[in-house]
Amino acid sequence: MANDTTNRELSYTSSLSEADLEAASYLDTIEAVISSLDQGDGAMVSQTAEGHLWRFKYGSVEVYVQLTGETETDTLTVWSPVLKLPAKEEPRLTKLLLEKNCNETLEARFGISGDQVLVISSRILKDISAAEISRLMTIVATIADDSDEALVEEFGM
């Protein structure tokens, strides 16, 4: 399926005002938010039959943003890996992550996918605003960046 995928580097240099974000498409809004958050050498985006997938650097973490389409039933998902599994003291790690989910993660949550602990948030597009898109992406990136090094130090193998 390599022919169905295009990769390109994002090169947004101007930031959009809130009014501009409200009028922009989901793709434009996501790319504007990524350009404001990216702390790496530039974000990358892939487009496949399943939608768009962006990757960018925020602090010490990689953040991924997936948009399945642009209808109100499509989904925006943002995630960032923070710890590779297996880990030391997994029962204590699990308890800590559940406590963080209850008290600290706002609209995001910690979860496990495959062999990674992630910070993740997902929302359907129906009635989503540019401010909500920005908030979800910022929350995931910030929580992941604030958590990854401490989790690796305490629980990493």
C-alpha atoms as a PDB file:
ATOM      1  CA  MET A   1       0.000   0.000   0.000  1.00  0.00           C
ATOM      2  CA  ALA A   2       2.990   2.325  -0.270  1.00  0.00           C
ATOM      3  CA  ASN A   3       1.382   3.953  -3.311  1.00  0.00           C
ATOM      4  CA  ASP A   4      -1.655   4.934  -1.218  1.00  0.00           C
ATOM      5  CA  THR A   5       0.507   6.794   1.298  1.00  0.00           C
ATOM      6  CA  THR A   6       2.026  10.223   0.975  1.00  0.00           C
ATOM      7  CA  ASN A   7       4.461  11.652   3.497  1.00  0.00           C
ATOM      8  CA  ARG A   8       5.273  15.296   3.706  1.00  0.00           C
ATOM      9  CA  GLU A   9       6.809  17.646   6.172  1.00  0.00           C
ATOM     10  CA  LEU A  10       4.612  20.374   7.609  1.00  0.00           C
ATOM     11  CA  SER A  11       5.939  23.850   7.040  1.00  0.00           C
ATOM     12  CA  TYR A  12       3.516  26.224   8.710  1.00  0.00           C
ATOM     13  CA  THR A  13       5.257  29.375   9.846  1.00  0.00           C
ATOM     14  CA  SER A  14       2.331  31.581  10.759  1.00  0.00           C
ATOM     15  CA  SER A  15      -0.105  30.901  13.548  1.00  0.00           C
ATOM     16  CA  LEU A  16      -3.815  31.232  13.006  1.00  0.00           C
ATOM     17  CA  SER A  17      -6.033  33.398  15.179  1.00  0.00           C
ATOM     18  CA  GLU A  18      -8.929  31.750  17.044  1.00  0.00           C
ATOM     19  CA  ALA A  19     -11.357  33.131  14.432  1.00  0.00           C
ATOM     20  CA  ASP A  20      -9.214  31.660  11.652  1.00  0.00           C
ATOM     21  CA  LEU A  21      -9.096  28.305  13.467  1.00  0.00           C
ATOM     22  CA  GLU A  22     -12.884  28.220  13.779  1.00  0.00           C
ATOM     23  CA  ALA A  23     -13.265  28.750  10.016  1.00  0.00           C
ATOM     24  CA  ALA A  24     -10.494  26.322   9.029  1.00  0.00           C
ATOM     25  CA  SER A  25     -11.005  22.705   8.068  1.00  0.00           C
ATOM     26  CA  TYR A  26     -10.124  19.972  10.558  1.00  0.00           C
ATOM     27  CA  LEU A  27      -6.908  19.333   8.623  1.00  0.00           C
ATOM     28  CA  ASP A  28      -5.900  22.994   8.678  1.00  0.00           C
ATOM     29  CA  THR A  29      -6.708  23.288  12.364  1.00  0.00           C
ATOM     30  CA  ILE A  30      -4.735  20.163  13.291  1.00  0.00           C
ATOM     31  CA  GLU A  31      -1.742  21.276  11.250  1.00  0.00           C
ATOM     32  CA  ALA A  32      -1.837  24.776  12.772  1.00  0.00           C
ATOM     33  CA  VAL A  33      -1.908  23.331  16.298  1.00  0.00           C
ATOM     34  CA  ILE A  34       0.893  20.890  15.494  1.00  0.00           C
ATOM     35  CA  SER A  35       3.027  23.687  14.081  1.00  0.00           C
ATOM     36  CA  SER A  36       2.590  25.609  17.335  1.00  0.00           C
ATOM     37  CA  LEU A  37       3.474  22.572  19.495  1.00  0.00           C
ATOM     38  CA  ASP A  38       6.219  20.916  17.423  1.00  0.00           C
ATOM     39  CA  GLN A  39       9.620  21.152  19.082  1.00  0.00           C
ATOM     40  CA  GLY A  40      11.456  18.916  16.647  1.00  0.00           C
ATOM     41  CA  ASP A  41      12.726  19.224  13.105  1.00  0.00           C
ATOM     42  CA  GLY A  42       9.221  19.421  11.673  1.00  0.00           C
ATOM     43  CA  ALA A  43       6.123  17.277  11.884  1.00  0.00           C
ATOM     44  CA  MET A  44       5.391  14.548   9.374  1.00  0.00           C
ATOM     45  CA  VAL A  45       2.009  13.536   7.988  1.00  0.00           C
ATOM     46  CA  SER A  46       0.919  10.373   6.185  1.00  0.00           C
ATOM     47  CA  GLN A  47      -2.305   9.983   4.260  1.00  0.00           C
ATOM     48  CA  THR A  48      -3.799   6.555   3.693  1.00  0.00           C
ATOM     49  CA  ALA A  49      -7.213   5.107   2.952  1.00  0.00           C
ATOM     50  CA  GLU A  50      -7.768   5.104   6.750  1.00  0.00           C
ATOM     51  CA  GLY A  51      -7.218   8.865   7.057  1.00  0.00           C
ATOM     52  CA  HIS A  52      -4.383  11.159   8.109  1.00  0.00           C
ATOM     53  CA  LEU A  53      -1.651  10.420  10.639  1.00  0.00           C
ATOM     54  CA  TRP A  54       0.690  13.126  11.945  1.00  0.00           C
ATOM     55  CA  ARG A  55       3.788  12.695  14.105  1.00  0.00           C
ATOM     56  CA  PHE A  56       5.631  15.470  15.897  1.00  0.00           C
ATOM     57  CA  LYS A  57       8.084  15.991  18.728  1.00  0.00           C
ATOM     58  CA  TYR A  58       7.026  17.692  21.955  1.00  0.00           C
ATOM     59  CA  GLY A  59       9.712  17.917  24.616  1.00  0.00           C
ATOM     60  CA  SER A  60      11.038  14.403  25.123  1.00  0.00           C
ATOM     61  CA  VAL A  61       8.086  12.548  23.505  1.00  0.00           C
ATOM     62  CA  GLU A  62       6.712  11.735  20.071  1.00  0.00           C
ATOM     63  CA  VAL A  63       3.046  12.662  19.671  1.00  0.00           C
ATOM     64  CA  TYR A  64       0.739  11.076  17.082  1.00  0.00           C
ATOM     65  CA  VAL A  65      -2.508  12.530  15.765  1.00  0.00           C
ATOM     66  CA  GLN A  66      -4.923  10.471  13.671  1.00  0.00           C
ATOM     67  CA  LEU A  67      -7.945  11.830  11.832  1.00  0.00           C
ATOM     68  CA  THR A  68     -10.096   9.125  10.256  1.00  0.00           C
ATOM     69  CA  GLY A  69     -11.986  11.551   8.004  1.00  0.00           C
ATOM     70  CA  GLU A  70     -13.856  14.860   8.047  1.00  0.00           C
ATOM     71  CA  THR A  71     -17.457  13.864   8.734  1.00  0.00           C
ATOM     72  CA  GLU A  72     -19.098  14.260  12.119  1.00  0.00           C
ATOM     73  CA  THR A  73     -18.876  10.494  12.737  1.00  0.00           C
ATOM     74  CA  ASP A  74     -15.109  10.388  12.109  1.00  0.00           C
ATOM     75  CA  THR A  75     -12.637  10.379  14.979  1.00  0.00           C
ATOM     76  CA  LEU A  76      -9.690  12.457  16.144  1.00  0.00           C
ATOM     77  CA  THR A  77      -7.249  10.444  18.275  1.00  0.00           C
ATOM     78  CA  VAL A  78      -4.097  11.814  19.871  1.00  0.00           C
ATOM     79  CA  TRP A  79      -1.566   9.596  21.653  1.00  0.00           C
ATOM     80  CA  SER A  80       1.998   9.513  22.897  1.00  0.00           C
ATOM     81  CA  PRO A  81       4.031   6.512  24.105  1.00  0.00           C
ATOM     82  CA  VAL A  82       5.603   7.099  27.523  1.00  0.00           C
ATOM     83  CA  LEU A  83       6.942   3.693  28.672  1.00  0.00           C
ATOM     84  CA  LYS A  84       7.906   0.443  26.960  1.00  0.00           C
ATOM     85  CA  LEU A  85       6.644  -2.796  28.531  1.00  0.00           C
ATOM     86  CA  PRO A  86       7.468  -5.058  30.270  1.00  0.00           C
ATOM     87  CA  ALA A  87       8.140  -2.839  33.260  1.00  0.00           C
ATOM     88  CA  LYS A  88       9.377  -3.301  36.816  1.00  0.00           C
ATOM     89  CA  GLU A  89       6.662  -3.630  39.442  1.00  0.00           C
ATOM     90  CA  GLU A  90       3.784  -3.675  36.956  1.00  0.00           C
ATOM     91  CA  PRO A  91       1.065  -3.956  39.644  1.00  0.00           C
ATOM     92  CA  ARG A  92       2.361  -0.762  41.298  1.00  0.00           C
ATOM     93  CA  LEU A  93       2.662   0.898  37.872  1.00  0.00           C
ATOM     94  CA  THR A  94      -0.928  -0.042  37.044  1.00  0.00           C
ATOM     95  CA  LYS A  95      -2.188   1.382  40.347  1.00  0.00           C
ATOM     96  CA  LEU A  96      -0.253   4.610  39.777  1.00  0.00           C
ATOM     97  CA  LEU A  97      -1.641   5.019  36.247  1.00  0.00           C
ATOM     98  CA  LEU A  98      -5.212   4.405  37.433  1.00  0.00           C
ATOM     99  CA  GLU A  99      -4.763   7.026  40.153  1.00  0.00           C
ATOM    100  CA  LYS A 100      -3.392   9.470  37.579  1.00  0.00           C
ATOM    101  CA  ASN A 101      -6.383   8.716  35.296  1.00  0.00           C
ATOM    102  CA  CYS A 102      -8.725   9.607  38.141  1.00  0.00           C
ATOM    103  CA  ASN A 103      -6.976  12.737  39.359  1.00  0.00           C
ATOM    104  CA  GLU A 104      -4.643  14.239  36.758  1.00  0.00           C
ATOM    105  CA  THR A 105      -5.355  13.499  33.106  1.00  0.00           C
ATOM    106  CA  LEU A 106      -8.361  15.711  32.293  1.00  0.00           C
ATOM    107  CA  GLU A 107      -9.760  14.550  28.900  1.00  0.00           C
ATOM    108  CA  ALA A 108      -6.817  12.205  28.308  1.00  0.00           C
ATOM    109  CA  ARG A 109      -5.968   8.912  29.978  1.00  0.00           C
ATOM    110  CA  PHE A 110      -3.122   6.460  30.389  1.00  0.00           C
ATOM    111  CA  GLY A 111      -3.588   3.166  28.597  1.00  0.00           C
ATOM    112  CA  ILE A 112      -1.701   0.164  27.286  1.00  0.00           C
ATOM    113  CA  SER A 113      -1.480  -0.708  23.618  1.00  0.00           C
ATOM    114  CA  GLY A 114       0.711  -3.626  22.643  1.00  0.00           C
ATOM    115  CA  ASP A 115       3.959  -3.222  24.543  1.00  0.00           C
ATOM    116  CA  GLN A 116       3.604   0.479  25.368  1.00  0.00           C
ATOM    117  CA  VAL A 117       2.024   2.659  27.998  1.00  0.00           C
ATOM    118  CA  LEU A 118       0.421   5.625  26.240  1.00  0.00           C
ATOM    119  CA  VAL A 119      -1.253   8.882  27.063  1.00  0.00           C
ATOM    120  CA  ILE A 120      -4.287   8.968  24.764  1.00  0.00           C
ATOM    121  CA  SER A 121      -7.420  10.930  24.004  1.00  0.00           C
ATOM    122  CA  SER A 122     -10.059  10.327  21.354  1.00  0.00           C
ATOM    123  CA  ARG A 123     -13.196  12.176  20.279  1.00  0.00           C
ATOM    124  CA  ILE A 124     -15.686  12.051  17.425  1.00  0.00           C
ATOM    125  CA  LEU A 125     -15.783  15.185  15.302  1.00  0.00           C
ATOM    126  CA  LYS A 126     -19.465  15.990  15.812  1.00  0.00           C
ATOM    127  CA  ASP A 127     -19.646  19.495  17.320  1.00  0.00           C
ATOM    128  CA  ILE A 128     -15.880  19.660  17.956  1.00  0.00           C
ATOM    129  CA  SER A 129     -14.393  23.142  17.955  1.00  0.00           C
ATOM    130  CA  ALA A 130     -10.918  24.297  17.028  1.00  0.00           C
ATOM    131  CA  ALA A 131     -10.350  25.076  20.703  1.00  0.00           C
ATOM    132  CA  GLU A 132     -11.208  21.468  21.640  1.00  0.00           C
ATOM    133  CA  ILE A 133      -8.845  20.109  18.988  1.00  0.00           C
ATOM    134  CA  SER A 134      -6.081  22.306  20.355  1.00  0.00           C
ATOM    135  CA  ARG A 135      -6.883  21.356  23.950  1.00  0.00           C
ATOM    136  CA  LEU A 136      -6.844  17.586  23.285  1.00  0.00           C
ATOM    137  CA  MET A 137      -3.528  17.757  21.477  1.00  0.00           C
ATOM    138  CA  THR A 138      -1.979  20.019  24.109  1.00  0.00           C
ATOM    139  CA  ILE A 139      -3.197  17.900  27.038  1.00  0.00           C
ATOM    140  CA  VAL A 140      -1.833  14.653  25.582  1.00  0.00           C
ATOM    141  CA  ALA A 141       1.515  16.216  24.639  1.00  0.00           C
ATOM    142  CA  THR A 142       1.957  17.949  27.991  1.00  0.00           C
ATOM    143  CA  ILE A 143       0.975  14.988  30.179  1.00  0.00           C
ATOM    144  CA  ALA A 144       3.187  12.647  28.149  1.00  0.00           C
ATOM    145  CA  ASP A 145       6.162  15.005  28.306  1.00  0.00           C
ATOM    146  CA  ASP A 146       5.658  15.585  32.031  1.00  0.00           C
ATOM    147  CA  SER A 147       5.359  11.828  32.753  1.00  0.00           C
ATOM    148  CA  ASP A 148       7.667   9.850  30.475  1.00  0.00           C
ATOM    149  CA  GLU A 149      11.044  10.380  32.123  1.00  0.00           C
ATOM    150  CA  ALA A 150       9.779   9.723  35.663  1.00  0.00           C
ATOM    151  CA  LEU A 151       7.941   6.566  34.534  1.00  0.00           C
ATOM    152  CA  VAL A 152      10.998   5.264  32.681  1.00  0.00           C
ATOM    153  CA  GLU A 153      13.253   6.023  35.647  1.00  0.00           C
ATOM    154  CA  GLU A 154      10.977   4.312  38.156  1.00  0.00           C
ATOM    155  CA  PHE A 155       9.517   1.439  36.126  1.00  0.00           C
ATOM    156  CA  GLY A 156      11.666   1.002  33.020  1.00  0.00           C
ATOM    157  CA  MET A 157      13.645  -2.167  32.464  1.00  0.00           C
END
